[in-house]
Amino acid sequence: MEMKMDSAALQAFLDRDFPQVSSDFEFEEVAPPFVTMALAASEKHLRPGGTVSGPSMFALADVCAYFCILSVLGPVGLAVTTNCSIDFMRKPQPGRLLCRMELLKLGKALAVCEGRLFSEGAPDKPVARASLTYSIPPSA
């Protein structure tokens, strides 16, 4: 798949269009059909017991899928999540959480991604698996 946006372009888009959350996420690798992003889990992302919350893991998967699609599609702000399924498998370790997302299909109307979330330093022990479908606006 041809890359239309590299990590610098994706970061600029994230900073400009989503300033409320841009400081939470970092691009680790952009190599379509894969994008890897990190969530710098802070106190606001934790639940009792010191683990990263489910909503924070969902956010990482959703943001990573979105930018995985944009890396190939280009800056289409109105691509939206139409479906998401997450399997939570183990408790994440405290600290940075990573998501490696793969763009499985980019059609005219829908894009399908699948990814794994894991604690930094433990890529062989996924904490969650996510499958997401995005709707692509007709003008894209």
N, C-alpha and C. Protein backbone atom coordinates (compact mmCIF):
# COMPACT_ATOMS: atom_id res chain seq x y z
N MET A 1 0.85 -1.18 0.00
CA MET A 1 0.00 0.00 0.00
C MET A 1 0.89 1.24 0.00
N GLU A 2 0.48 2.20 -0.78
CA GLU A 2 1.24 3.45 -0.88
C GLU A 2 0.96 4.37 0.30
N MET A 3 2.01 4.91 0.89
CA MET A 3 1.86 5.83 2.02
C MET A 3 1.56 7.23 1.49
N LYS A 4 0.44 7.82 1.99
CA LYS A 4 0.10 9.19 1.62
C LYS A 4 0.43 10.17 2.74
N MET A 5 0.52 9.65 3.98
CA MET A 5 0.88 10.49 5.13
C MET A 5 1.90 9.74 5.97
N ASP A 6 3.04 10.37 6.23
CA ASP A 6 4.05 9.76 7.09
C ASP A 6 3.78 10.16 8.54
N SER A 7 4.65 9.75 9.45
CA SER A 7 4.40 10.01 10.87
C SER A 7 4.36 11.51 11.17
N ALA A 8 5.19 12.32 10.51
CA ALA A 8 5.18 13.76 10.75
C ALA A 8 3.85 14.38 10.30
N ALA A 9 3.35 13.96 9.12
CA ALA A 9 2.07 14.48 8.62
C ALA A 9 0.91 14.03 9.49
N LEU A 10 0.96 12.78 9.94
CA LEU A 10 -0.10 12.27 10.82
C LEU A 10 -0.09 13.00 12.16
N GLN A 11 1.10 13.24 12.70
CA GLN A 11 1.21 13.96 13.98
C GLN A 11 0.68 15.38 13.84
N ALA A 12 1.00 16.04 12.74
CA ALA A 12 0.51 17.40 12.50
C ALA A 12 -1.02 17.41 12.42
N PHE A 13 -1.60 16.42 11.75
CA PHE A 13 -3.06 16.29 11.65
C PHE A 13 -3.66 16.06 13.03
N LEU A 14 -3.06 15.16 13.81
CA LEU A 14 -3.53 14.87 15.17
C LEU A 14 -3.48 16.13 16.03
N ASP A 15 -2.37 16.85 15.98
CA ASP A 15 -2.21 18.07 16.78
C ASP A 15 -3.21 19.15 16.38
N ARG A 16 -3.44 19.30 15.08
CA ARG A 16 -4.33 20.35 14.58
C ARG A 16 -5.81 20.02 14.81
N ASP A 17 -6.20 18.78 14.49
CA ASP A 17 -7.63 18.44 14.52
C ASP A 17 -8.10 17.83 15.83
N PHE A 18 -7.19 17.30 16.63
CA PHE A 18 -7.56 16.67 17.90
C PHE A 18 -6.65 17.14 19.03
N PRO A 19 -6.54 18.46 19.24
CA PRO A 19 -5.61 18.96 20.26
C PRO A 19 -5.95 18.50 21.68
N GLN A 20 -7.21 18.15 21.92
CA GLN A 20 -7.63 17.73 23.25
C GLN A 20 -7.01 16.39 23.67
N VAL A 21 -6.57 15.58 22.71
CA VAL A 21 -5.98 14.27 23.05
C VAL A 21 -4.61 14.04 22.43
N SER A 22 -4.13 14.99 21.65
CA SER A 22 -2.89 14.73 20.90
C SER A 22 -1.69 14.45 21.80
N SER A 23 -1.65 15.00 22.99
CA SER A 23 -0.51 14.75 23.88
C SER A 23 -0.54 13.34 24.49
N ASP A 24 -1.66 12.63 24.37
CA ASP A 24 -1.76 11.27 24.92
C ASP A 24 -1.12 10.22 24.01
N PHE A 25 -1.00 10.51 22.73
CA PHE A 25 -0.60 9.50 21.76
C PHE A 25 0.69 9.86 21.04
N GLU A 26 1.48 8.83 20.70
CA GLU A 26 2.72 9.00 19.94
C GLU A 26 2.74 7.99 18.80
N PHE A 27 3.29 8.41 17.67
CA PHE A 27 3.50 7.49 16.56
C PHE A 27 4.84 6.79 16.77
N GLU A 28 4.83 5.48 16.78
CA GLU A 28 6.05 4.68 16.92
C GLU A 28 6.58 4.26 15.55
N GLU A 29 5.65 3.86 14.67
CA GLU A 29 6.03 3.40 13.34
C GLU A 29 4.86 3.61 12.38
N VAL A 30 5.18 4.09 11.20
CA VAL A 30 4.19 4.22 10.13
C VAL A 30 4.80 3.55 8.91
N ALA A 31 4.29 2.36 8.59
CA ALA A 31 4.77 1.57 7.45
C ALA A 31 3.58 0.80 6.89
N PRO A 32 2.71 1.50 6.13
CA PRO A 32 1.50 0.85 5.62
C PRO A 32 1.77 -0.53 5.04
N PRO A 33 0.90 -1.50 5.38
CA PRO A 33 -0.42 -1.35 5.98
C PRO A 33 -0.41 -1.32 7.50
N PHE A 34 0.74 -1.11 8.14
CA PHE A 34 0.84 -1.10 9.59
C PHE A 34 1.11 0.29 10.14
N VAL A 35 0.52 0.57 11.30
CA VAL A 35 0.85 1.74 12.10
C VAL A 35 0.92 1.26 13.55
N THR A 36 1.96 1.70 14.24
CA THR A 36 2.10 1.41 15.67
C THR A 36 2.10 2.73 16.41
N MET A 37 1.23 2.81 17.43
CA MET A 37 1.12 4.00 18.25
C MET A 37 1.23 3.63 19.72
N ALA A 38 1.60 4.62 20.53
CA ALA A 38 1.74 4.41 21.97
C ALA A 38 0.81 5.37 22.72
N LEU A 39 0.29 4.88 23.83
CA LEU A 39 -0.45 5.70 24.78
C LEU A 39 0.43 5.86 25.99
N ALA A 40 0.78 7.09 26.32
CA ALA A 40 1.55 7.35 27.52
C ALA A 40 0.56 7.38 28.68
N ALA A 41 0.26 6.19 29.21
CA ALA A 41 -0.78 6.06 30.23
C ALA A 41 -0.38 6.82 31.50
N SER A 42 -1.19 7.80 31.85
CA SER A 42 -0.97 8.58 33.06
C SER A 42 -2.07 8.24 34.06
N GLU A 43 -2.10 8.96 35.14
CA GLU A 43 -3.09 8.71 36.20
C GLU A 43 -4.52 8.75 35.65
N LYS A 44 -4.79 9.64 34.70
CA LYS A 44 -6.15 9.75 34.17
C LYS A 44 -6.59 8.54 33.35
N HIS A 45 -5.64 7.67 32.95
CA HIS A 45 -5.96 6.48 32.17
C HIS A 45 -6.10 5.23 33.02
N LEU A 46 -5.90 5.36 34.32
CA LEU A 46 -5.91 4.18 35.19
C LEU A 46 -7.25 4.02 35.88
N ARG A 47 -7.53 2.78 36.24
CA ARG A 47 -8.70 2.48 37.05
C ARG A 47 -8.20 1.94 38.38
N PRO A 48 -9.08 1.74 39.35
CA PRO A 48 -8.62 1.18 40.63
C PRO A 48 -7.86 -0.12 40.41
N GLY A 49 -6.78 -0.27 41.14
CA GLY A 49 -5.93 -1.44 40.96
C GLY A 49 -4.70 -1.11 40.13
N GLY A 50 -4.66 0.11 39.56
CA GLY A 50 -3.48 0.55 38.83
C GLY A 50 -3.34 0.03 37.42
N THR A 51 -4.42 -0.48 36.84
CA THR A 51 -4.34 -0.96 35.47
C THR A 51 -4.93 0.07 34.50
N VAL A 52 -4.50 0.02 33.26
CA VAL A 52 -5.04 0.92 32.24
C VAL A 52 -6.50 0.55 32.00
N SER A 53 -7.35 1.56 31.97
CA SER A 53 -8.80 1.32 31.84
C SER A 53 -9.17 0.82 30.44
N GLY A 54 -10.29 0.13 30.38
CA GLY A 54 -10.82 -0.34 29.10
C GLY A 54 -11.08 0.80 28.13
N PRO A 55 -11.72 1.91 28.57
CA PRO A 55 -11.93 3.03 27.66
C PRO A 55 -10.63 3.62 27.11
N SER A 56 -9.57 3.61 27.90
CA SER A 56 -8.28 4.11 27.40
C SER A 56 -7.70 3.16 26.36
N MET A 57 -7.87 1.85 26.57
CA MET A 57 -7.40 0.89 25.57
C MET A 57 -8.21 1.01 24.29
N PHE A 58 -9.54 1.22 24.43
CA PHE A 58 -10.39 1.43 23.25
C PHE A 58 -9.91 2.66 22.49
N ALA A 59 -9.63 3.75 23.22
CA ALA A 59 -9.18 4.99 22.57
C ALA A 59 -7.90 4.75 21.78
N LEU A 60 -6.94 4.03 22.35
CA LEU A 60 -5.70 3.74 21.65
C LEU A 60 -5.97 2.94 20.38
N ALA A 61 -6.80 1.91 20.46
CA ALA A 61 -7.12 1.09 19.29
C ALA A 61 -7.83 1.93 18.23
N ASP A 62 -8.78 2.74 18.64
CA ASP A 62 -9.56 3.55 17.70
C ASP A 62 -8.69 4.60 17.01
N VAL A 63 -7.87 5.30 17.77
CA VAL A 63 -6.99 6.31 17.21
C VAL A 63 -5.97 5.67 16.27
N CYS A 64 -5.43 4.53 16.67
CA CYS A 64 -4.44 3.84 15.84
C CYS A 64 -5.07 3.36 14.52
N ALA A 65 -6.28 2.83 14.58
CA ALA A 65 -6.96 2.40 13.35
C ALA A 65 -7.23 3.60 12.43
N TYR A 66 -7.69 4.69 13.01
CA TYR A 66 -7.98 5.90 12.25
C TYR A 66 -6.73 6.37 11.49
N PHE A 67 -5.61 6.44 12.19
CA PHE A 67 -4.39 6.92 11.54
C PHE A 67 -3.75 5.88 10.63
N CYS A 68 -4.03 4.63 10.88
CA CYS A 68 -3.60 3.58 9.95
C CYS A 68 -4.29 3.79 8.60
N ILE A 69 -5.57 4.09 8.65
CA ILE A 69 -6.34 4.35 7.43
C ILE A 69 -5.87 5.63 6.75
N LEU A 70 -5.68 6.70 7.52
CA LEU A 70 -5.25 7.97 6.94
C LEU A 70 -3.85 7.89 6.34
N SER A 71 -3.01 7.02 6.87
CA SER A 71 -1.66 6.89 6.31
C SER A 71 -1.71 6.48 4.84
N VAL A 72 -2.77 5.78 4.44
CA VAL A 72 -2.94 5.32 3.06
C VAL A 72 -3.95 6.18 2.29
N LEU A 73 -4.97 6.64 2.97
CA LEU A 73 -6.06 7.40 2.33
C LEU A 73 -5.72 8.88 2.17
N GLY A 74 -4.98 9.43 3.10
CA GLY A 74 -4.71 10.86 3.13
C GLY A 74 -5.57 11.52 4.20
N PRO A 75 -5.49 12.86 4.32
CA PRO A 75 -6.17 13.58 5.41
C PRO A 75 -7.68 13.71 5.21
N VAL A 76 -8.40 12.66 5.58
CA VAL A 76 -9.86 12.63 5.47
C VAL A 76 -10.43 12.69 6.89
N GLY A 77 -10.80 13.89 7.31
CA GLY A 77 -11.24 14.08 8.68
C GLY A 77 -12.56 13.43 9.02
N LEU A 78 -13.39 13.13 8.05
CA LEU A 78 -14.72 12.61 8.34
C LEU A 78 -14.84 11.09 8.21
N ALA A 79 -13.74 10.38 8.15
CA ALA A 79 -13.80 8.92 8.26
C ALA A 79 -14.20 8.62 9.71
N VAL A 80 -15.19 7.76 9.90
CA VAL A 80 -15.70 7.51 11.26
C VAL A 80 -15.81 6.02 11.56
N THR A 81 -15.68 5.70 12.83
CA THR A 81 -15.82 4.32 13.29
C THR A 81 -17.26 3.88 13.13
N THR A 82 -17.47 2.72 12.50
CA THR A 82 -18.81 2.16 12.39
C THR A 82 -18.95 0.89 13.22
N ASN A 83 -17.82 0.25 13.54
CA ASN A 83 -17.87 -0.96 14.36
C ASN A 83 -16.53 -1.14 15.06
N CYS A 84 -16.59 -1.64 16.28
CA CYS A 84 -15.37 -1.98 17.01
C CYS A 84 -15.66 -3.16 17.92
N SER A 85 -14.75 -4.10 17.92
CA SER A 85 -14.83 -5.24 18.82
C SER A 85 -13.46 -5.40 19.47
N ILE A 86 -13.46 -5.46 20.80
CA ILE A 86 -12.20 -5.62 21.54
C ILE A 86 -12.31 -6.82 22.45
N ASP A 87 -11.28 -7.64 22.42
CA ASP A 87 -11.14 -8.74 23.38
C ASP A 87 -10.04 -8.34 24.35
N PHE A 88 -10.40 -8.18 25.63
CA PHE A 88 -9.41 -7.87 26.66
C PHE A 88 -8.86 -9.20 27.18
N MET A 89 -7.56 -9.39 27.09
CA MET A 89 -6.98 -10.71 27.38
C MET A 89 -6.17 -10.77 28.67
N ARG A 90 -5.44 -9.75 29.01
CA ARG A 90 -4.67 -9.72 30.26
C ARG A 90 -4.53 -8.29 30.75
N LYS A 91 -4.18 -8.17 32.00
CA LYS A 91 -3.99 -6.86 32.62
C LYS A 91 -2.71 -6.21 32.07
N PRO A 92 -2.82 -4.99 31.53
CA PRO A 92 -1.62 -4.31 31.04
C PRO A 92 -0.67 -3.95 32.19
N GLN A 93 0.61 -3.93 31.89
CA GLN A 93 1.59 -3.47 32.86
C GLN A 93 1.49 -1.95 32.95
N PRO A 94 1.84 -1.38 34.10
CA PRO A 94 1.85 0.09 34.18
C PRO A 94 2.85 0.67 33.19
N GLY A 95 2.57 1.87 32.70
CA GLY A 95 3.47 2.53 31.76
C GLY A 95 2.88 2.61 30.37
N ARG A 96 3.76 2.69 29.39
CA ARG A 96 3.32 2.86 28.00
C ARG A 96 2.63 1.62 27.46
N LEU A 97 1.55 1.87 26.76
CA LEU A 97 0.79 0.82 26.09
C LEU A 97 0.90 1.07 24.60
N LEU A 98 1.17 0.01 23.83
CA LEU A 98 1.32 0.15 22.38
C LEU A 98 0.24 -0.61 21.65
N CYS A 99 -0.08 -0.12 20.45
CA CYS A 99 -1.03 -0.79 19.57
C CYS A 99 -0.40 -0.87 18.19
N ARG A 100 -0.36 -2.08 17.66
CA ARG A 100 0.11 -2.29 16.28
C ARG A 100 -1.12 -2.67 15.47
N MET A 101 -1.49 -1.78 14.55
CA MET A 101 -2.72 -1.93 13.77
C MET A 101 -2.36 -2.22 12.32
N GLU A 102 -3.15 -3.09 11.71
CA GLU A 102 -2.98 -3.42 10.30
C GLU A 102 -4.24 -3.06 9.53
N LEU A 103 -4.07 -2.38 8.42
CA LEU A 103 -5.18 -2.09 7.51
C LEU A 103 -5.37 -3.31 6.63
N LEU A 104 -6.46 -4.03 6.85
CA LEU A 104 -6.73 -5.26 6.11
C LEU A 104 -7.39 -5.00 4.76
N LYS A 105 -8.28 -3.97 4.73
CA LYS A 105 -8.97 -3.67 3.49
C LYS A 105 -9.34 -2.20 3.46
N LEU A 106 -9.07 -1.56 2.34
CA LEU A 106 -9.49 -0.18 2.12
C LEU A 106 -10.35 -0.18 0.87
N GLY A 107 -11.66 -0.10 1.08
CA GLY A 107 -12.60 -0.06 -0.03
C GLY A 107 -13.06 1.37 -0.27
N LYS A 108 -14.06 1.53 -1.16
CA LYS A 108 -14.59 2.86 -1.45
C LYS A 108 -15.42 3.40 -0.30
N ALA A 109 -16.12 2.52 0.41
CA ALA A 109 -17.01 2.97 1.48
C ALA A 109 -16.56 2.54 2.88
N LEU A 110 -15.81 1.44 2.97
CA LEU A 110 -15.42 0.92 4.28
C LEU A 110 -13.94 0.56 4.32
N ALA A 111 -13.36 0.69 5.51
CA ALA A 111 -12.00 0.24 5.76
C ALA A 111 -12.03 -0.67 6.98
N VAL A 112 -11.27 -1.75 6.93
CA VAL A 112 -11.25 -2.73 8.01
C VAL A 112 -9.83 -2.85 8.54
N CYS A 113 -9.70 -2.77 9.87
CA CYS A 113 -8.39 -2.87 10.53
C CYS A 113 -8.45 -3.89 11.66
N GLU A 114 -7.29 -4.45 11.95
CA GLU A 114 -7.17 -5.36 13.09
C GLU A 114 -5.85 -5.06 13.78
N GLY A 115 -5.86 -5.09 15.10
CA GLY A 115 -4.64 -4.79 15.82
C GLY A 115 -4.54 -5.48 17.16
N ARG A 116 -3.33 -5.39 17.71
CA ARG A 116 -3.05 -5.93 19.04
C ARG A 116 -2.48 -4.84 19.91
N LEU A 117 -2.90 -4.84 21.15
CA LEU A 117 -2.38 -3.92 22.14
C LEU A 117 -1.49 -4.70 23.09
N PHE A 118 -0.38 -4.10 23.48
CA PHE A 118 0.54 -4.77 24.40
C PHE A 118 1.30 -3.75 25.22
N SER A 119 1.76 -4.19 26.39
CA SER A 119 2.58 -3.33 27.24
C SER A 119 3.95 -3.20 26.61
N GLU A 120 4.55 -2.03 26.73
CA GLU A 120 5.88 -1.82 26.18
C GLU A 120 6.83 -2.86 26.76
N GLY A 121 7.62 -3.45 25.90
CA GLY A 121 8.57 -4.47 26.32
C GLY A 121 8.01 -5.87 26.36
N ALA A 122 6.72 -6.04 26.05
CA ALA A 122 6.11 -7.37 26.07
C ALA A 122 5.22 -7.58 24.84
N PRO A 123 5.77 -7.44 23.61
CA PRO A 123 4.94 -7.57 22.42
C PRO A 123 4.41 -8.99 22.20
N ASP A 124 5.00 -9.97 22.86
CA ASP A 124 4.55 -11.36 22.71
C ASP A 124 3.41 -11.71 23.66
N LYS A 125 2.98 -10.75 24.48
CA LYS A 125 1.87 -10.98 25.42
C LYS A 125 0.81 -9.90 25.24
N PRO A 126 -0.02 -10.04 24.20
CA PRO A 126 -1.04 -9.01 23.95
C PRO A 126 -2.00 -8.88 25.13
N VAL A 127 -2.36 -7.63 25.42
CA VAL A 127 -3.34 -7.38 26.48
C VAL A 127 -4.75 -7.26 25.89
N ALA A 128 -4.83 -6.98 24.59
CA ALA A 128 -6.13 -6.88 23.92
C ALA A 128 -5.94 -7.06 22.42
N ARG A 129 -7.03 -7.47 21.78
CA ARG A 129 -7.09 -7.59 20.32
C ARG A 129 -8.30 -6.79 19.88
N ALA A 130 -8.14 -5.99 18.83
CA ALA A 130 -9.23 -5.13 18.38
C ALA A 130 -9.46 -5.27 16.88
N SER A 131 -10.72 -5.23 16.50
CA SER A 131 -11.12 -5.24 15.09
C SER A 131 -12.03 -4.04 14.89
N LEU A 132 -11.70 -3.19 13.91
CA LEU A 132 -12.47 -1.97 13.69
C LEU A 132 -12.83 -1.81 12.23
N THR A 133 -14.01 -1.27 11.99
CA THR A 133 -14.46 -0.91 10.65
C THR A 133 -14.77 0.58 10.64
N TYR A 134 -14.29 1.25 9.61
CA TYR A 134 -14.52 2.68 9.45
C TYR A 134 -15.31 2.93 8.18
N SER A 135 -16.17 3.94 8.24
CA SER A 135 -16.89 4.41 7.06
C SER A 135 -16.08 5.53 6.43
N ILE A 136 -15.88 5.42 5.12
CA ILE A 136 -15.14 6.42 4.37
C ILE A 136 -16.14 7.34 3.68
N PRO A 137 -16.03 8.67 3.86
CA PRO A 137 -17.00 9.56 3.21
C PRO A 137 -16.90 9.47 1.68
N PRO A 138 -18.02 9.66 0.98
CA PRO A 138 -18.05 9.52 -0.47
C PRO A 138 -17.07 10.44 -1.21
N SER A 139 -16.72 11.57 -0.66
CA SER A 139 -15.84 12.51 -1.34
C SER A 139 -14.37 12.14 -1.22
N ALA A 140 -14.03 11.10 -0.45
CA ALA A 140 -12.61 10.74 -0.22
C ALA A 140 -12.00 10.04 -1.40
